[in-house]
C-alpha atoms as a PDB file:
ATOM      1  CA  MET A   1      93.723 -31.471  -9.800  1.00  0.00           C
ATOM      2  CA  LYS A   2      95.384 -28.426  -8.161  1.00  0.00           C
ATOM      3  CA  SER A   3      93.188 -25.432  -7.148  1.00  0.00           C
ATOM      4  CA  THR A   4      94.313 -22.167  -6.178  1.00  0.00           C
ATOM      5  CA  LEU A   5      92.784 -20.485  -3.187  1.00  0.00           C
ATOM      6  CA  LEU A   6      92.936 -16.831  -2.829  1.00  0.00           C
ATOM      7  CA  PHE A   7      92.096 -15.541   0.427  1.00  0.00           C
ATOM      8  CA  VAL A   8      92.337 -11.549   0.888  1.00  0.00           C
ATOM      9  CA  ILE A   9      91.802 -10.268   4.204  1.00  0.00           C
ATOM     10  CA  VAL A  10      91.766  -6.686   4.356  1.00  0.00           C
ATOM     11  CA  CYS A  11      90.087  -3.685   5.950  1.00  0.00           C
ATOM     12  CA  VAL A  12      91.614  -2.844   9.211  1.00  0.00           C
ATOM     13  CA  PHE A  13      90.284   0.602   9.271  1.00  0.00           C
ATOM     14  CA  THR A  14      87.169   2.551   8.202  1.00  0.00           C
ATOM     15  CA  ALA A  15      87.484   5.263   5.796  1.00  0.00           C
ATOM     16  CA  ASN A  16      87.853   8.865   6.906  1.00  0.00           C
ATOM     17  CA  TYR A  17      88.394  10.826   3.754  1.00  0.00           C
ATOM     18  CA  SER A  18      89.473  14.269   3.262  1.00  0.00           C
ATOM     19  CA  VAL A  19      88.260  16.324   0.297  1.00  0.00           C
ATOM     20  CA  ALA A  20      90.747  16.076  -2.869  1.00  0.00           C
ATOM     21  CA  GLU A  21      92.708  13.263  -1.664  1.00  0.00           C
ATOM     22  CA  ASP A  22      94.135  10.468  -3.833  1.00  0.00           C
ATOM     23  CA  ILE A  23      93.894   7.035  -2.161  1.00  0.00           C
ATOM     24  CA  LYS A  24      95.022   3.706  -3.168  1.00  0.00           C
ATOM     25  CA  PRO A  25      92.690   0.588  -3.230  1.00  0.00           C
ATOM     26  CA  LEU A  26      93.240  -1.855  -0.464  1.00  0.00           C
ATOM     27  CA  VAL A  27      93.698  -4.482  -3.017  1.00  0.00           C
ATOM     28  CA  TYR A  28      92.667  -5.137  -6.578  1.00  0.00           C
ATOM     29  CA  LEU A  29      92.098  -8.431  -8.526  1.00  0.00           C
ATOM     30  CA  SER A  30      92.350  -8.096 -12.192  1.00  0.00           C
ATOM     31  CA  GLY A  31      92.362 -10.327 -15.229  1.00  0.00           C
ATOM     32  CA  ASN A  32      90.719 -11.148 -18.636  1.00  0.00           C
ATOM     33  CA  ASN A  33      89.148 -14.513 -18.191  1.00  0.00           C
ATOM     34  CA  SER A  34      85.747 -13.338 -16.816  1.00  0.00           C
ATOM     35  CA  LYS A  35      82.590 -14.992 -17.993  1.00  0.00           C
ATOM     36  CA  VAL A  36      80.546 -11.833 -18.304  1.00  0.00           C
ATOM     37  CA  SER A  37      79.995 -10.825 -21.994  1.00  0.00           C
ATOM     38  CA  LYS A  38      78.507  -7.433 -21.611  1.00  0.00           C
ATOM     39  CA  GLN A  39      79.787  -4.666 -19.477  1.00  0.00           C
ATOM     40  CA  PHE A  40      78.685  -4.675 -15.881  1.00  0.00           C
ATOM     41  CA  TYR A  41      79.471  -2.354 -13.097  1.00  0.00           C
ATOM     42  CA  GLU A  42      78.475  -2.952  -9.348  1.00  0.00           C
ATOM     43  CA  ARG A  43      79.149  -1.539  -5.867  1.00  0.00           C
ATOM     44  CA  ILE A  44      79.065  -4.506  -3.669  1.00  0.00           C
ATOM     45  CA  THR A  45      78.446  -4.009   0.310  1.00  0.00           C
ATOM     46  CA  ASN A  46      77.663  -7.537   1.400  1.00  0.00           C
ATOM     47  CA  ALA A  47      78.767 -11.026   1.138  1.00  0.00           C
ATOM     48  CA  ASP A  48      75.519 -12.139  -0.369  1.00  0.00           C
ATOM     49  CA  GLU A  49      76.094  -9.349  -3.273  1.00  0.00           C
ATOM     50  CA  MET A  50      79.612 -10.637  -3.601  1.00  0.00           C
ATOM     51  CA  ALA A  51      78.765 -14.194  -3.903  1.00  0.00           C
ATOM     52  CA  LYS A  52      76.241 -13.295  -6.739  1.00  0.00           C
ATOM     53  CA  VAL A  53      78.433 -11.136  -8.531  1.00  0.00           C
ATOM     54  CA  TRP A  54      81.541 -13.790  -8.385  1.00  0.00           C
ATOM     55  CA  ALA A  55      79.423 -16.453  -9.510  1.00  0.00           C
ATOM     56  CA  GLN A  56      78.425 -14.348 -12.521  1.00  0.00           C
ATOM     57  CA  HIS A  57      81.975 -13.673 -13.237  1.00  0.00           C
ATOM     58  CA  LEU A  58      82.870 -17.410 -13.091  1.00  0.00           C
ATOM     59  CA  GLY A  59      79.920 -18.156 -15.446  1.00  0.00           C
ATOM     60  CA  THR A  60      78.334 -20.694 -12.884  1.00  0.00           C
ATOM     61  CA  SER A  61      75.735 -20.277  -9.879  1.00  0.00           C
ATOM     62  CA  LYS A  62      76.109 -19.047  -6.463  1.00  0.00           C
ATOM     63  CA  ASP A  63      75.805 -22.466  -4.896  1.00  0.00           C
ATOM     64  CA  ASP A  64      78.347 -24.096  -7.491  1.00  0.00           C
ATOM     65  CA  TYR A  65      81.384 -22.072  -7.779  1.00  0.00           C
ATOM     66  CA  TYR A  66      84.564 -23.886  -9.027  1.00  0.00           C
ATOM     67  CA  ARG A  67      86.939 -21.869  -7.013  1.00  0.00           C
ATOM     68  CA  PRO A  68      86.572 -20.133  -3.899  1.00  0.00           C
ATOM     69  CA  MET A  69      85.996 -16.092  -3.946  1.00  0.00           C
ATOM     70  CA  PHE A  70      88.118 -13.826  -1.737  1.00  0.00           C
ATOM     71  CA  GLU A  71      87.023 -12.777   1.535  1.00  0.00           C
ATOM     72  CA  VAL A  72      86.231  -9.372   2.394  1.00  0.00           C
ATOM     73  CA  ASP A  73      85.378  -7.594   5.807  1.00  0.00           C
ATOM     74  CA  PHE A  74      82.194  -5.963   4.639  1.00  0.00           C
ATOM     75  CA  ASP A  75      81.615  -4.340   7.888  1.00  0.00           C
ATOM     76  CA  ARG A  76      84.671  -2.045   6.961  1.00  0.00           C
ATOM     77  CA  CYS A  77      84.935  -2.415   3.163  1.00  0.00           C
ATOM     78  CA  MET A  78      83.378  -2.482  -0.117  1.00  0.00           C
ATOM     79  CA  VAL A  79      84.040  -3.964  -3.419  1.00  0.00           C
ATOM     80  CA  VAL A  80      83.656  -2.281  -6.705  1.00  0.00           C
ATOM     81  CA  ALA A  81      83.325  -4.725  -9.677  1.00  0.00           C
ATOM     82  CA  ILE A  82      84.228  -3.678 -13.171  1.00  0.00           C
ATOM     83  CA  LEU A  83      83.436  -6.301 -15.584  1.00  0.00           C
ATOM     84  CA  ARG A  84      84.226  -5.080 -19.279  1.00  0.00           C
ATOM     85  CA  GLY A  85      82.540  -7.797 -21.367  1.00  0.00           C
ATOM     86  CA  LYS A  86      83.871  -8.986 -24.726  1.00  0.00           C
ATOM     87  CA  GLN A  87      86.966  -6.876 -25.645  1.00  0.00           C
ATOM     88  CA  ILE A  88      89.526  -7.553 -28.268  1.00  0.00           C
ATOM     89  CA  GLN A  89      93.105  -8.017 -27.142  1.00  0.00           C
ATOM     90  CA  VAL A  90      93.039  -6.848 -23.699  1.00  0.00           C
ATOM     91  CA  ARG A  91      95.204  -8.372 -20.979  1.00  0.00           C
ATOM     92  CA  GLN A  92      93.382  -6.706 -17.819  1.00  0.00           C
ATOM     93  CA  VAL A  93      91.899  -3.696 -16.299  1.00  0.00           C
ATOM     94  CA  GLU A  94      94.457  -1.336 -14.479  1.00  0.00           C
ATOM     95  CA  VAL A  95      93.405   1.026 -11.828  1.00  0.00           C
ATOM     96  CA  ASN A  96      94.915   4.302 -12.435  1.00  0.00           C
ATOM     97  CA  SER A  97      93.762   6.331  -9.647  1.00  0.00           C
ATOM     98  CA  ILE A  98      91.176   6.855  -6.915  1.00  0.00           C
ATOM     99  CA  SER A  99      90.393  10.546  -5.915  1.00  0.00           C
ATOM    100  CA  VAL A 100      88.364  11.595  -3.103  1.00  0.00           C
ATOM    101  CA  GLN A 101      85.953  14.344  -3.915  1.00  0.00           C
ATOM    102  CA  LYS A 102      83.482  16.179  -1.675  1.00  0.00           C
ATOM    103  CA  ASP A 103      80.477  13.863  -2.359  1.00  0.00           C
ATOM    104  CA  SER A 104      82.203  11.106  -4.522  1.00  0.00           C
ATOM    105  CA  LEU A 105      84.876   8.686  -5.186  1.00  0.00           C
ATOM    106  CA  ILE A 106      86.216   9.112  -8.657  1.00  0.00           C
ATOM    107  CA  VAL A 107      87.781   5.568  -9.653  1.00  0.00           C
ATOM    108  CA  ARG A 108      89.851   5.832 -13.073  1.00  0.00           C
ATOM    109  CA  PHE A 109      90.881   2.815 -15.039  1.00  0.00           C
ATOM    110  CA  THR A 110      92.084   1.675 -18.402  1.00  0.00           C
ATOM    111  CA  GLU A 111      92.250  -1.462 -20.214  1.00  0.00           C
ATOM    112  CA  PHE A 112      95.714  -2.723 -20.596  1.00  0.00           C
ATOM    113  CA  GLY A 113      95.981  -3.994 -24.243  1.00  0.00           C
ATOM    114  CA  TYR A 114      98.177  -5.478 -26.953  1.00  0.00           C
ATOM    115  CA  SER A 115      97.946  -5.572 -30.865  1.00  0.00           C
ATOM    116  CA  ILE A 116      98.550  -8.459 -33.230  1.00  0.00           C
ATOM    117  CA  GLY A 117      97.412  -6.115 -36.117  1.00  0.00           C
ATOM    118  CA  ALA A 118      93.934  -5.643 -37.310  1.00  0.00           C
ATOM    119  CA  THR A 119      92.253  -8.361 -39.582  1.00  0.00           C
ATOM    120  CA  ASP A 120      88.693  -8.489 -40.843  1.00  0.00           C
ATOM    121  CA  LYS A 121      87.990 -11.853 -39.108  1.00  0.00           C
ATOM    122  CA  MET A 122      89.525 -11.825 -35.809  1.00  0.00           C
ATOM    123  CA  PRO A 123      90.119 -15.369 -34.220  1.00  0.00           C
ATOM    124  CA  GLU A 124      87.944 -15.995 -31.066  1.00  0.00           C
ATOM    125  CA  THR A 125      91.050 -16.647 -28.940  1.00  0.00           C
ATOM    126  CA  GLU A 126      91.703 -12.877 -29.475  1.00  0.00           C
ATOM    127  CA  TYR A 127      88.488 -11.941 -27.672  1.00  0.00           C
ATOM    128  CA  LYS A 128      89.031 -11.305 -23.858  1.00  0.00           C
ATOM    129  CA  TYR A 129      86.679 -10.566 -21.168  1.00  0.00           C
ATOM    130  CA  PRO A 130      88.662  -8.087 -18.691  1.00  0.00           C
ATOM    131  CA  TYR A 131      87.608  -7.355 -15.246  1.00  0.00           C
ATOM    132  CA  VAL A 132      88.778  -5.949 -12.172  1.00  0.00           C
ATOM    133  CA  PHE A 133      87.553  -6.329  -8.359  1.00  0.00           C
ATOM    134  CA  VAL A 134      88.494  -3.249  -6.399  1.00  0.00           C
ATOM    135  CA  VAL A 135      88.438  -3.478  -2.618  1.00  0.00           C
ATOM    136  CA  LEU A 136      88.089  -0.021  -0.989  1.00  0.00           C
ATOM    137  CA  PRO A 137      87.455   1.122   2.714  1.00  0.00           C
ATOM    138  CA  LYS A 138      83.578   1.595   2.937  1.00  0.00           C
ATOM    139  CA  THR A 139      81.815   4.971   2.145  1.00  0.00           C
ATOM    140  CA  ASP A 140      78.610   6.334   1.561  1.00  0.00           C
ATOM    141  CA  LYS A 141      79.915   8.685  -1.141  1.00  0.00           C
ATOM    142  CA  GLU A 142      78.922   8.026  -4.730  1.00  0.00           C
ATOM    143  CA  ILE A 143      81.279   6.025  -6.879  1.00  0.00           C
ATOM    144  CA  VAL A 144      82.129   7.534 -10.270  1.00  0.00           C
ATOM    145  CA  LEU A 145      83.581   5.014 -12.709  1.00  0.00           C
ATOM    146  CA  VAL A 146      85.817   6.736 -15.462  1.00  0.00           C
ATOM    147  CA  ALA A 147      87.516   4.858 -18.206  1.00  0.00           C
ATOM    148  CA  GLY A 148      90.731   6.191 -19.899  1.00  0.00           C
ATOM    149  CA  GLN A 149      91.546   5.945 -23.545  1.00  0.00           C
ATOM    150  CA  PRO A 150      95.183   5.184 -23.948  1.00  0.00           C
ATOM    151  CA  ILE A 151      97.215   7.581 -26.010  1.00  0.00           C
ATOM    152  CA  LYS A 152      99.899   5.868 -27.860  1.00  0.00           C
ATOM    153  CA  GLY A 153     103.284   6.355 -26.471  1.00  0.00           C
ATOM    154  CA  ARG A 154     102.049   8.550 -23.423  1.00  0.00           C
ATOM    155  CA  LYS A 155     101.310   7.688 -19.991  1.00  0.00           C
ATOM    156  CA  PRO A 156      99.429   8.678 -17.967  1.00  0.00           C
ATOM    157  CA  THR A 157      96.240   8.332 -19.952  1.00  0.00           C
ATOM    158  CA  THR A 158      94.622  12.065 -20.542  1.00  0.00           C
ATOM    159  CA  ASN A 159      91.350  11.149 -22.437  1.00  0.00           C
ATOM    160  CA  TRP A 160      88.480  10.144 -19.685  1.00  0.00           C
ATOM    161  CA  GLN A 161      84.982   9.221 -20.166  1.00  0.00           C
ATOM    162  CA  GLU A 162      82.483   8.691 -17.401  1.00  0.00           C
ATOM    163  CA  ILE A 163      81.061   5.268 -17.568  1.00  0.00           C
ATOM    164  CA  VAL A 164      78.421   5.194 -14.633  1.00  0.00           C
ATOM    165  CA  ARG A 165      77.890   6.360 -11.035  1.00  0.00           C
ATOM    166  CA  LEU A 166      77.272   3.852  -8.452  1.00  0.00           C
ATOM    167  CA  ARG A 167      75.209   5.320  -5.572  1.00  0.00           C
ATOM    168  CA  ALA A 168      75.215   3.987  -1.851  1.00  0.00           C
ATOM    169  CA  ASP A 169      71.591   2.899  -2.022  1.00  0.00           C
ATOM    170  CA  GLY A 170      72.392   0.541  -4.870  1.00  0.00           C
ATOM    171  CA  THR A 171      71.097   2.867  -7.752  1.00  0.00           C
ATOM    172  CA  LYS A 172      73.097   3.669 -10.836  1.00  0.00           C
ATOM    173  CA  ARG A 173      73.131   6.899 -12.543  1.00  0.00           C
ATOM    174  CA  GLN A 174      73.958   7.676 -16.249  1.00  0.00           C
ATOM    175  CA  PRO A 175      77.202   9.458 -16.915  1.00  0.00           C
ATOM    176  CA  VAL A 176      77.568  13.109 -16.865  1.00  0.00           C
ATOM    177  CA  GLN A 177      80.634  15.110 -18.244  1.00  0.00           C
ATOM    178  CA  VAL A 178      83.839  14.577 -16.022  1.00  0.00           C
ATOM    179  CA  LYS A 179      86.608  17.240 -16.730  1.00  0.00           C
ATOM    180  CA  SER A 180      90.030  15.906 -18.070  1.00  0.00           C
ATOM    181  CA  ASP A 181      93.184  16.138 -16.124  1.00  0.00           C
ATOM    182  CA  ASN A 182      94.496  18.645 -18.729  1.00  0.00           C
END
């Protein structure tokens, strides 16, 4: 049995953000085969938290994961986990932009989907469980996750909806209105 090992060693520097700057993630890992069936969002700042979330993502226990997780230097970095739960016809989650604001980082993302046509009874194989793990330089700023609704034939996405705010202290805050780019 061939196993694939993904090591991501990142974070050479600590974040020194200026206001109203767009940044790129250091790396992100995305797909549609998570075992998490309900939407789940987490700010991960240490290896123990990462092991717990990774095990949930794989549908196993922290002590029994069947494939290794990627490594992150949590002294300099953090991970934002976006697990979208059971969705229909979604290939992956795409990170569109990360904007640095005075007190927050706004992470905009969309689900990258496809269509086979609508039916009353969708086969179970068409249900997907999209996710993305985003590695960013460590910051104490609030992380604001904003999902985009694709507009047919147009890119970039312009209809945005705030999903959750992830605070540095580990608490989450319900959405408030975020202005559209337009």
